[in-house]
Protein backbone atom coordinates (compact mmCIF):
# COMPACT_ATOMS: atom_id res chain seq x y z
CA GLN A 1 -32.89 -5.86 -2.42
CA VAL A 2 -36.05 -5.54 -0.35
CA GLN A 3 -39.39 -7.13 -1.07
CA LEU A 4 -42.47 -5.62 0.54
CA VAL A 5 -45.78 -7.42 0.91
CA GLU A 6 -48.85 -5.61 2.19
CA SER A 7 -51.88 -7.07 3.89
CA GLY A 8 -55.00 -5.82 5.57
CA GLY A 9 -56.84 -3.82 2.96
CA GLY A 10 -60.56 -4.13 2.41
CA LEU A 11 -63.97 -2.51 2.41
CA VAL A 12 -65.16 -0.60 5.46
CA GLN A 13 -67.83 1.95 6.24
CA ALA A 14 -67.11 5.57 7.04
CA GLY A 15 -66.10 6.00 10.66
CA GLU A 16 -64.69 2.52 11.02
CA SER A 17 -61.07 1.48 11.54
CA LEU A 18 -58.68 -0.60 9.49
CA GLY A 19 -55.14 -1.79 9.99
CA LEU A 20 -52.56 -2.37 7.29
CA SER A 21 -49.37 -4.34 7.67
CA CYS A 22 -46.30 -4.69 5.50
CA ALA A 23 -43.61 -7.33 5.80
CA ALA A 24 -40.13 -6.68 4.46
CA SER A 25 -37.90 -9.47 3.25
CA GLY A 26 -34.68 -9.69 1.30
CA SER A 27 -30.97 -9.32 1.63
CA VAL A 28 -30.88 -5.82 3.11
CA SER A 29 -30.59 -5.65 6.86
CA ILE A 30 -33.64 -4.13 8.52
CA PHE A 31 -31.24 -1.73 10.24
CA SER A 32 -30.15 -0.47 6.83
CA ILE A 33 -33.73 0.44 5.96
CA THR A 34 -33.76 4.01 7.19
CA VAL A 35 -37.35 4.85 6.31
CA MET A 36 -40.49 2.75 6.05
CA GLY A 37 -43.93 4.05 5.36
CA TRP A 38 -47.15 4.17 3.44
CA TYR A 39 -48.27 6.07 0.38
CA ARG A 40 -51.64 5.97 -1.34
CA GLN A 41 -53.04 6.64 -4.76
CA ALA A 42 -56.68 7.36 -5.45
CA PRO A 43 -58.16 7.03 -8.95
CA GLY A 44 -57.12 9.94 -11.12
CA LYS A 45 -54.77 11.34 -8.49
CA GLN A 46 -51.05 11.26 -7.87
CA ARG A 47 -49.50 8.99 -5.31
CA GLU A 48 -49.21 10.80 -1.99
CA LEU A 49 -47.54 10.32 1.34
CA VAL A 50 -49.63 8.94 4.18
CA ALA A 51 -47.06 8.34 6.89
CA THR A 52 -43.44 7.40 7.40
CA VAL A 53 -41.33 6.16 10.28
CA THR A 54 -37.55 6.22 10.50
CA LEU A 55 -35.21 3.64 11.97
CA SER A 56 -35.04 5.72 15.14
CA GLY A 57 -38.82 5.90 15.40
CA SER A 58 -39.47 9.42 14.18
CA THR A 59 -42.79 9.69 12.41
CA ASP A 60 -44.31 11.99 9.81
CA TYR A 61 -47.93 12.17 8.74
CA ALA A 62 -49.86 13.81 5.96
CA ASP A 63 -52.08 16.58 7.29
CA SER A 64 -55.11 14.73 5.98
CA VAL A 65 -54.54 11.76 8.31
CA LYS A 66 -53.00 13.41 11.38
CA GLY A 67 -54.88 12.40 14.49
CA ARG A 68 -56.56 9.50 12.71
CA CYS A 69 -53.64 7.29 11.77
CA THR A 70 -50.74 5.75 13.65
CA ILE A 71 -47.69 4.22 12.01
CA SER A 72 -45.48 1.77 13.82
CA ARG A 73 -42.40 -0.21 12.98
CA ASP A 74 -41.19 -3.50 14.43
CA ASN A 75 -37.59 -4.12 13.43
CA ALA A 76 -37.49 -7.58 14.98
CA LYS A 77 -40.42 -8.67 12.83
CA ARG A 78 -39.35 -6.54 9.86
CA THR A 79 -42.78 -5.02 9.62
CA VAL A 80 -44.43 -1.63 9.40
CA ALA A 81 -48.07 -1.15 10.29
CA LEU A 82 -50.62 1.59 9.74
CA GLN A 83 -53.65 1.84 11.98
CA MET A 84 -56.35 4.03 10.45
CA ASN A 85 -59.31 5.26 12.47
CA SER A 86 -62.36 7.36 11.66
CA LEU A 87 -62.01 6.47 8.01
CA LYS A 88 -63.58 8.71 5.39
CA PRO A 89 -64.61 8.05 1.79
CA ASP A 90 -61.70 10.31 0.78
CA ASP A 91 -59.35 7.70 2.25
CA THR A 92 -60.33 5.31 -0.53
CA ALA A 93 -57.18 4.45 -2.45
CA VAL A 94 -54.60 1.82 -3.17
CA TYR A 95 -52.14 1.89 -0.28
CA TYR A 96 -48.50 1.14 -1.01
CA CYS A 97 -45.83 0.11 1.43
CA TYR A 98 -42.57 1.99 0.93
CA SER A 99 -39.04 1.71 2.18
CA ARG A 100 -35.72 3.43 1.57
CA ASP A 101 -32.31 2.08 2.54
CA VAL A 102 -29.07 3.80 3.57
CA ARG A 103 -28.02 3.95 -0.07
CA ARG A 104 -31.30 5.76 -0.82
CA ARG A 105 -32.64 2.91 -2.89
CA GLU A 106 -36.43 2.89 -2.81
CA TYR A 107 -38.71 -0.11 -2.72
CA TRP A 108 -42.45 -0.45 -3.16
CA GLY A 109 -45.02 -3.09 -2.39
CA GLN A 110 -47.65 -4.18 -4.87
CA GLY A 111 -50.39 -2.20 -3.14
CA THR A 112 -53.54 -3.08 -1.25
CA GLN A 113 -56.99 -1.60 -1.89
CA VAL A 114 -58.79 0.30 0.84
CA THR A 115 -62.37 1.28 0.09
CA VAL A 116 -64.43 3.39 2.48
CA SER A 117 -68.15 3.55 1.79
CA SER A 118 -70.30 6.43 2.93
């Protein structure tokens, strides 16, 4: 099992930056967690991918955040971080940390609110 705990959400103004962090704990080796990443869900909308990073460091970003966000993974610290720049009101959502292990089991954090005011 993997437990994911997010931190770093909050209220910012449009154009500002915000960093999110997620710590993974549990019995699964960090090297068995093949994918870590972030999803978000805005009110009235479906949960959507923001960014993912694989064990080897390959990254994938939603088109809506490309060029504004950077995802990074630290296996020694068992963390995944998301740096978001030039934030827009449309980025307002609950951001969820995500991971998937070699057996394709998926894990989710409890979510952290990001609010961007115009």
